[in-house]
Amino acid sequence: MKLTQKVLLIRHFKPNFKRYALLGHGDPSLDQTTTHPIKETIHHIANFQFDSATTRIFSSDLKRAIETANCLFPTQNFIKSSLIREINFGELEGKTWAQIEQSDPDFYHDYMSRWQHFPFPNGESLPDLLNRLESFIEYFSIGLESSAAVIAHAGAIRGLVYLLTEANLLEAFSIPIDYGGCVILTPDDSNCLKIKKTH
């Protein structure tokens, strides 16, 4: 897909959840004991040359994304969508990869060798996530009609990078993005990613 408008992808701030555990469709609020990088993220939004009159704002419908959107855009309306949720980890929600490797080494090794297609038990596969994100892009004409800011999750952001640019799957899903981190996609060259990290 060739972009005609800029797209700003923002990862939500740190949720109140066990460190290193898989968090997909679970719905905790933001961690109130953490100092979130609000100023740094707002600085990156300014680099995006955000125009509140023309830029559409979208957020995942999960609390951690909505609360982040409220922090960053307190006076702006935004559209909430379940299509940009994180991947559904199913029965593995809340577990760490170390726990999974210990309790189910066969699944662990199968997944690590075939992560591009292998589904989580009673959850989603990567193609399931990408199909959801493609529906989001098509329904809202992301990257085509006007610039957009999207507050979502690490997996969803990497999936959007893959679908909106010419990046290959491994390249897109290797992008490091911290809590509050931003990825800016520009229409000048859809294969050139500007990655902004807040910390």
C-alpha atoms as a PDB file:
ATOM      1  CA  MET A   1       0.000   0.000   0.000  1.00  0.00           C
ATOM      2  CA  LYS A   2       1.289   3.458  -0.902  1.00  0.00           C
ATOM      3  CA  LEU A   3       0.603   6.083   1.746  1.00  0.00           C
ATOM      4  CA  THR A   4      -0.696   9.498   0.721  1.00  0.00           C
ATOM      5  CA  GLN A   5      -1.003  10.851   4.274  1.00  0.00           C
ATOM      6  CA  LYS A   6       1.152  10.618   7.391  1.00  0.00           C
ATOM      7  CA  VAL A   7       0.327   8.052  10.077  1.00  0.00           C
ATOM      8  CA  LEU A   8       1.506   8.306  13.693  1.00  0.00           C
ATOM      9  CA  LEU A   9       1.481   5.047  15.656  1.00  0.00           C
ATOM     10  CA  ILE A  10       1.723   5.360  19.452  1.00  0.00           C
ATOM     11  CA  ARG A  11       2.118   2.521  21.922  1.00  0.00           C
ATOM     12  CA  HIS A  12       0.073   2.871  25.102  1.00  0.00           C
ATOM     13  CA  PHE A  13       1.766   3.678  28.418  1.00  0.00           C
ATOM     14  CA  LYS A  14       2.732   0.975  30.943  1.00  0.00           C
ATOM     15  CA  PRO A  15      -0.269  -1.022  32.208  1.00  0.00           C
ATOM     16  CA  ASN A  16      -0.783  -2.367  35.707  1.00  0.00           C
ATOM     17  CA  PHE A  17       0.206  -5.917  34.841  1.00  0.00           C
ATOM     18  CA  LYS A  18       2.843  -8.498  35.650  1.00  0.00           C
ATOM     19  CA  ARG A  19       6.179  -7.672  34.054  1.00  0.00           C
ATOM     20  CA  TYR A  20       7.085  -9.732  30.958  1.00  0.00           C
ATOM     21  CA  ALA A  21       3.705 -11.498  30.986  1.00  0.00           C
ATOM     22  CA  LEU A  22       1.697 -11.781  27.755  1.00  0.00           C
ATOM     23  CA  LEU A  23      -1.037  -9.152  27.703  1.00  0.00           C
ATOM     24  CA  GLY A  24      -3.458  -9.319  24.817  1.00  0.00           C
ATOM     25  CA  HIS A  25      -7.198  -8.821  25.251  1.00  0.00           C
ATOM     26  CA  GLY A  26      -6.858  -8.494  29.025  1.00  0.00           C
ATOM     27  CA  ASP A  27      -8.005  -5.076  30.149  1.00  0.00           C
ATOM     28  CA  PRO A  28      -5.999  -3.582  33.023  1.00  0.00           C
ATOM     29  CA  SER A  29      -5.723   0.157  33.532  1.00  0.00           C
ATOM     30  CA  LEU A  30      -2.440   2.057  33.375  1.00  0.00           C
ATOM     31  CA  ASP A  31       0.066   1.572  36.179  1.00  0.00           C
ATOM     32  CA  GLN A  32      -0.509   4.468  38.576  1.00  0.00           C
ATOM     33  CA  THR A  33       2.835   3.878  40.341  1.00  0.00           C
ATOM     34  CA  THR A  34       4.843   4.637  37.188  1.00  0.00           C
ATOM     35  CA  THR A  35       5.828   8.024  35.805  1.00  0.00           C
ATOM     36  CA  HIS A  36       4.642   7.792  32.232  1.00  0.00           C
ATOM     37  CA  PRO A  37       6.646   9.560  29.481  1.00  0.00           C
ATOM     38  CA  ILE A  38       3.826  11.975  28.642  1.00  0.00           C
ATOM     39  CA  LYS A  39       6.045  14.980  27.856  1.00  0.00           C
ATOM     40  CA  GLU A  40       8.373  12.937  25.673  1.00  0.00           C
ATOM     41  CA  THR A  41       5.509  11.408  23.721  1.00  0.00           C
ATOM     42  CA  ILE A  42       3.852  14.808  23.269  1.00  0.00           C
ATOM     43  CA  HIS A  43       7.189  16.066  21.919  1.00  0.00           C
ATOM     44  CA  HIS A  44       7.134  13.316  19.285  1.00  0.00           C
ATOM     45  CA  ILE A  45       3.532  14.185  18.462  1.00  0.00           C
ATOM     46  CA  ALA A  46       4.721  17.758  17.863  1.00  0.00           C
ATOM     47  CA  ASN A  47       7.359  16.418  15.442  1.00  0.00           C
ATOM     48  CA  PHE A  48       4.496  14.766  13.601  1.00  0.00           C
ATOM     49  CA  GLN A  49       3.144  18.310  13.065  1.00  0.00           C
ATOM     50  CA  PHE A  50      -0.187  17.278  14.484  1.00  0.00           C
ATOM     51  CA  ASP A  51      -3.126  19.259  13.111  1.00  0.00           C
ATOM     52  CA  SER A  52      -6.155  18.774  15.352  1.00  0.00           C
ATOM     53  CA  ALA A  53      -8.441  20.049  12.602  1.00  0.00           C
ATOM     54  CA  THR A  54      -7.483  17.419  10.033  1.00  0.00           C
ATOM     55  CA  THR A  55      -5.828  14.509  11.865  1.00  0.00           C
ATOM     56  CA  ARG A  56      -8.144  11.705  12.903  1.00  0.00           C
ATOM     57  CA  ILE A  57      -7.326  10.008  16.207  1.00  0.00           C
ATOM     58  CA  PHE A  58      -7.975   6.326  16.850  1.00  0.00           C
ATOM     59  CA  SER A  59      -7.537   4.219  19.965  1.00  0.00           C
ATOM     60  CA  SER A  60      -7.852   0.563  20.788  1.00  0.00           C
ATOM     61  CA  ASP A  61     -10.955   0.045  22.920  1.00  0.00           C
ATOM     62  CA  LEU A  62      -8.907  -1.421  25.794  1.00  0.00           C
ATOM     63  CA  LYS A  63      -8.410   0.695  28.924  1.00  0.00           C
ATOM     64  CA  ARG A  64      -4.651   1.068  28.669  1.00  0.00           C
ATOM     65  CA  ALA A  65      -4.972   2.608  25.205  1.00  0.00           C
ATOM     66  CA  ILE A  66      -7.993   4.770  26.004  1.00  0.00           C
ATOM     67  CA  GLU A  67      -6.320   6.158  29.133  1.00  0.00           C
ATOM     68  CA  THR A  68      -3.171   6.899  27.128  1.00  0.00           C
ATOM     69  CA  ALA A  69      -5.240   8.693  24.491  1.00  0.00           C
ATOM     70  CA  ASN A  70      -6.905  10.764  27.209  1.00  0.00           C
ATOM     71  CA  CYS A  71      -3.469  11.744  28.555  1.00  0.00           C
ATOM     72  CA  LEU A  72      -2.105  12.742  25.154  1.00  0.00           C
ATOM     73  CA  PHE A  73      -5.207  14.272  23.570  1.00  0.00           C
ATOM     74  CA  PRO A  74      -7.307  15.546  26.510  1.00  0.00           C
ATOM     75  CA  THR A  75      -9.354  17.975  24.432  1.00  0.00           C
ATOM     76  CA  GLN A  76      -9.711  15.878  21.280  1.00  0.00           C
ATOM     77  CA  ASN A  77     -12.358  13.379  20.286  1.00  0.00           C
ATOM     78  CA  PHE A  78     -11.103   9.987  19.191  1.00  0.00           C
ATOM     79  CA  ILE A  79     -12.569   6.843  17.683  1.00  0.00           C
ATOM     80  CA  LYS A  80     -12.323   3.618  19.692  1.00  0.00           C
ATOM     81  CA  SER A  81     -11.995   0.360  17.781  1.00  0.00           C
ATOM     82  CA  SER A  82     -11.643  -3.279  18.831  1.00  0.00           C
ATOM     83  CA  LEU A  83      -9.956  -3.942  15.468  1.00  0.00           C
ATOM     84  CA  ILE A  84      -6.650  -2.529  16.764  1.00  0.00           C
ATOM     85  CA  ARG A  85      -6.480  -4.574  19.959  1.00  0.00           C
ATOM     86  CA  GLU A  86      -3.358  -6.574  20.714  1.00  0.00           C
ATOM     87  CA  ILE A  87      -3.285 -10.180  19.505  1.00  0.00           C
ATOM     88  CA  ASN A  88      -5.435 -12.513  21.602  1.00  0.00           C
ATOM     89  CA  PHE A  89      -3.057 -14.790  23.533  1.00  0.00           C
ATOM     90  CA  GLY A  90      -5.930 -17.065  24.579  1.00  0.00           C
ATOM     91  CA  GLU A  91      -5.033 -19.548  27.310  1.00  0.00           C
ATOM     92  CA  LEU A  92      -1.511 -18.098  27.556  1.00  0.00           C
ATOM     93  CA  GLU A  93      -2.687 -14.637  28.634  1.00  0.00           C
ATOM     94  CA  GLY A  94      -0.820 -13.573  31.764  1.00  0.00           C
ATOM     95  CA  LYS A  95       1.996 -16.098  31.392  1.00  0.00           C
ATOM     96  CA  THR A  96       5.623 -15.299  30.626  1.00  0.00           C
ATOM     97  CA  TRP A  97       7.529 -17.015  27.828  1.00  0.00           C
ATOM     98  CA  ALA A  98       9.750 -18.612  30.485  1.00  0.00           C
ATOM     99  CA  GLN A  99       6.676 -20.137  32.140  1.00  0.00           C
ATOM    100  CA  ILE A 100       5.345 -21.334  28.789  1.00  0.00           C
ATOM    101  CA  GLU A 101       8.660 -22.931  27.854  1.00  0.00           C
ATOM    102  CA  GLN A 102       8.721 -24.770  31.184  1.00  0.00           C
ATOM    103  CA  SER A 103       5.078 -25.895  31.230  1.00  0.00           C
ATOM    104  CA  ASP A 104       4.608 -26.669  27.524  1.00  0.00           C
ATOM    105  CA  PRO A 105       7.974 -26.951  25.747  1.00  0.00           C
ATOM    106  CA  ASP A 106       6.410 -28.530  22.636  1.00  0.00           C
ATOM    107  CA  PHE A 107       4.129 -25.541  22.079  1.00  0.00           C
ATOM    108  CA  TYR A 108       6.949 -23.133  22.885  1.00  0.00           C
ATOM    109  CA  HIS A 109       9.297 -24.589  20.284  1.00  0.00           C
ATOM    110  CA  ASP A 110       6.543 -24.986  17.696  1.00  0.00           C
ATOM    111  CA  TYR A 111       5.524 -21.368  18.141  1.00  0.00           C
ATOM    112  CA  MET A 112       9.064 -20.004  18.052  1.00  0.00           C
ATOM    113  CA  SER A 113       9.776 -21.849  14.814  1.00  0.00           C
ATOM    114  CA  ARG A 114       6.437 -20.995  13.158  1.00  0.00           C
ATOM    115  CA  TRP A 115       5.369 -17.729  14.816  1.00  0.00           C
ATOM    116  CA  GLN A 116       4.229 -16.275  11.489  1.00  0.00           C
ATOM    117  CA  HIS A 117       1.259 -18.684  11.369  1.00  0.00           C
ATOM    118  CA  PHE A 118       1.021 -20.632  14.638  1.00  0.00           C
ATOM    119  CA  PRO A 119      -2.131 -19.814  16.697  1.00  0.00           C
ATOM    120  CA  PHE A 120      -2.284 -19.339  20.438  1.00  0.00           C
ATOM    121  CA  PRO A 121      -4.575 -21.945  22.080  1.00  0.00           C
ATOM    122  CA  ASN A 122      -8.115 -20.536  22.097  1.00  0.00           C
ATOM    123  CA  GLY A 123      -6.609 -17.272  20.865  1.00  0.00           C
ATOM    124  CA  GLU A 124      -5.437 -15.766  17.586  1.00  0.00           C
ATOM    125  CA  SER A 125      -2.671 -16.350  15.093  1.00  0.00           C
ATOM    126  CA  LEU A 126      -0.660 -13.587  13.450  1.00  0.00           C
ATOM    127  CA  PRO A 127      -2.780 -13.871  10.250  1.00  0.00           C
ATOM    128  CA  ASP A 128      -5.878 -13.350  12.431  1.00  0.00           C
ATOM    129  CA  LEU A 129      -4.359 -10.147  13.826  1.00  0.00           C
ATOM    130  CA  LEU A 130      -3.339  -8.924  10.371  1.00  0.00           C
ATOM    131  CA  ASN A 131      -6.836  -9.580   9.006  1.00  0.00           C
ATOM    132  CA  ARG A 132      -8.316  -7.457  11.811  1.00  0.00           C
ATOM    133  CA  LEU A 133      -5.845  -4.658  11.130  1.00  0.00           C
ATOM    134  CA  GLU A 134      -6.523  -4.801   7.402  1.00  0.00           C
ATOM    135  CA  SER A 135     -10.232  -4.373   8.134  1.00  0.00           C
ATOM    136  CA  PHE A 136      -9.371  -1.336  10.259  1.00  0.00           C
ATOM    137  CA  ILE A 137      -7.243   0.204   7.490  1.00  0.00           C
ATOM    138  CA  GLU A 138      -9.887  -0.374   4.843  1.00  0.00           C
ATOM    139  CA  TYR A 139     -12.880   0.757   6.909  1.00  0.00           C
ATOM    140  CA  PHE A 140     -11.279   4.024   8.024  1.00  0.00           C
ATOM    141  CA  SER A 141      -9.102   4.570   4.912  1.00  0.00           C
ATOM    142  CA  ILE A 142      -5.997   4.863   7.081  1.00  0.00           C
ATOM    143  CA  GLY A 143      -3.137   6.631   5.330  1.00  0.00           C
ATOM    144  CA  LEU A 144      -5.259   7.739   2.399  1.00  0.00           C
ATOM    145  CA  GLU A 145      -7.871  10.413   3.148  1.00  0.00           C
ATOM    146  CA  SER A 146      -6.222  12.340   5.993  1.00  0.00           C
ATOM    147  CA  SER A 147      -3.389  12.015   8.495  1.00  0.00           C
ATOM    148  CA  ALA A 148      -4.053   9.715  11.433  1.00  0.00           C
ATOM    149  CA  ALA A 149      -2.802   9.122  14.965  1.00  0.00           C
ATOM    150  CA  VAL A 150      -3.355   5.591  16.288  1.00  0.00           C
ATOM    151  CA  ILE A 151      -2.919   4.620  19.956  1.00  0.00           C
ATOM    152  CA  ALA A 152      -2.563   0.859  20.116  1.00  0.00           C
ATOM    153  CA  HIS A 153      -0.374  -2.046  21.228  1.00  0.00           C
ATOM    154  CA  ALA A 154       3.061  -3.317  20.231  1.00  0.00           C
ATOM    155  CA  GLY A 155       1.819  -6.203  18.090  1.00  0.00           C
ATOM    156  CA  ALA A 156      -0.886  -4.121  16.441  1.00  0.00           C
ATOM    157  CA  ILE A 157       1.564  -1.313  15.685  1.00  0.00           C
ATOM    158  CA  ARG A 158       4.048  -3.698  14.087  1.00  0.00           C
ATOM    159  CA  GLY A 159       1.203  -5.226  12.087  1.00  0.00           C
ATOM    160  CA  LEU A 160       0.138  -1.801  10.854  1.00  0.00           C
ATOM    161  CA  VAL A 161       3.724  -1.036   9.834  1.00  0.00           C
ATOM    162  CA  TYR A 162       3.760  -4.270   7.818  1.00  0.00           C
ATOM    163  CA  LEU A 163       0.438  -3.520   6.119  1.00  0.00           C
ATOM    164  CA  LEU A 164       1.002   0.203   5.494  1.00  0.00           C
ATOM    165  CA  THR A 165       4.582   0.029   4.199  1.00  0.00           C
ATOM    166  CA  GLU A 166       6.780  -2.158   2.078  1.00  0.00           C
ATOM    167  CA  ALA A 167       8.514  -3.615   5.140  1.00  0.00           C
ATOM    168  CA  ASN A 168       8.650  -7.401   5.236  1.00  0.00           C
ATOM    169  CA  LEU A 169       7.092  -9.316   8.113  1.00  0.00           C
ATOM    170  CA  LEU A 170      10.335  -9.961  10.004  1.00  0.00           C
ATOM    171  CA  GLU A 171      11.445  -6.343   9.617  1.00  0.00           C
ATOM    172  CA  ALA A 172       8.124  -4.974  10.855  1.00  0.00           C
ATOM    173  CA  PHE A 173       7.903  -7.328  13.836  1.00  0.00           C
ATOM    174  CA  SER A 174      11.509  -6.602  14.869  1.00  0.00           C
ATOM    175  CA  ILE A 175      10.835  -2.908  15.460  1.00  0.00           C
ATOM    176  CA  PRO A 176      11.558  -2.022  19.118  1.00  0.00           C
ATOM    177  CA  ILE A 177       8.846   0.172  20.602  1.00  0.00           C
ATOM    178  CA  ASP A 178       8.679   1.088  24.279  1.00  0.00           C
ATOM    179  CA  TYR A 179       5.628   2.174  26.247  1.00  0.00           C
ATOM    180  CA  GLY A 180       4.740   5.608  24.897  1.00  0.00           C
ATOM    181  CA  GLY A 181       7.000   5.072  21.908  1.00  0.00           C
ATOM    182  CA  CYS A 182       6.045   6.322  18.452  1.00  0.00           C
ATOM    183  CA  VAL A 183       6.475   5.196  14.872  1.00  0.00           C
ATOM    184  CA  ILE A 184       5.913   7.820  12.193  1.00  0.00           C
ATOM    185  CA  LEU A 185       5.043   6.663   8.681  1.00  0.00           C
ATOM    186  CA  THR A 186       5.402   9.251   5.947  1.00  0.00           C
ATOM    187  CA  PRO A 187       3.955   9.368   2.414  1.00  0.00           C
ATOM    188  CA  ASP A 188       7.308  10.386   0.918  1.00  0.00           C
ATOM    189  CA  ASP A 189       8.629   6.858   0.897  1.00  0.00           C
ATOM    190  CA  SER A 190       6.432   4.120   2.309  1.00  0.00           C
ATOM    191  CA  ASN A 191       9.462   1.886   2.790  1.00  0.00           C
ATOM    192  CA  CYS A 192      11.263   4.447   4.982  1.00  0.00           C
ATOM    193  CA  LEU A 193      10.226   4.280   8.629  1.00  0.00           C
ATOM    194  CA  LYS A 194      10.942   7.026  11.148  1.00  0.00           C
ATOM    195  CA  ILE A 195      11.018   5.399  14.553  1.00  0.00           C
ATOM    196  CA  LYS A 196      10.742   7.619  17.625  1.00  0.00           C
ATOM    197  CA  LYS A 197      11.463   6.178  21.055  1.00  0.00           C
ATOM    198  CA  THR A 198      10.581   8.061  24.207  1.00  0.00           C
ATOM    199  CA  HIS A 199      12.958   6.268  26.587  1.00  0.00           C
END
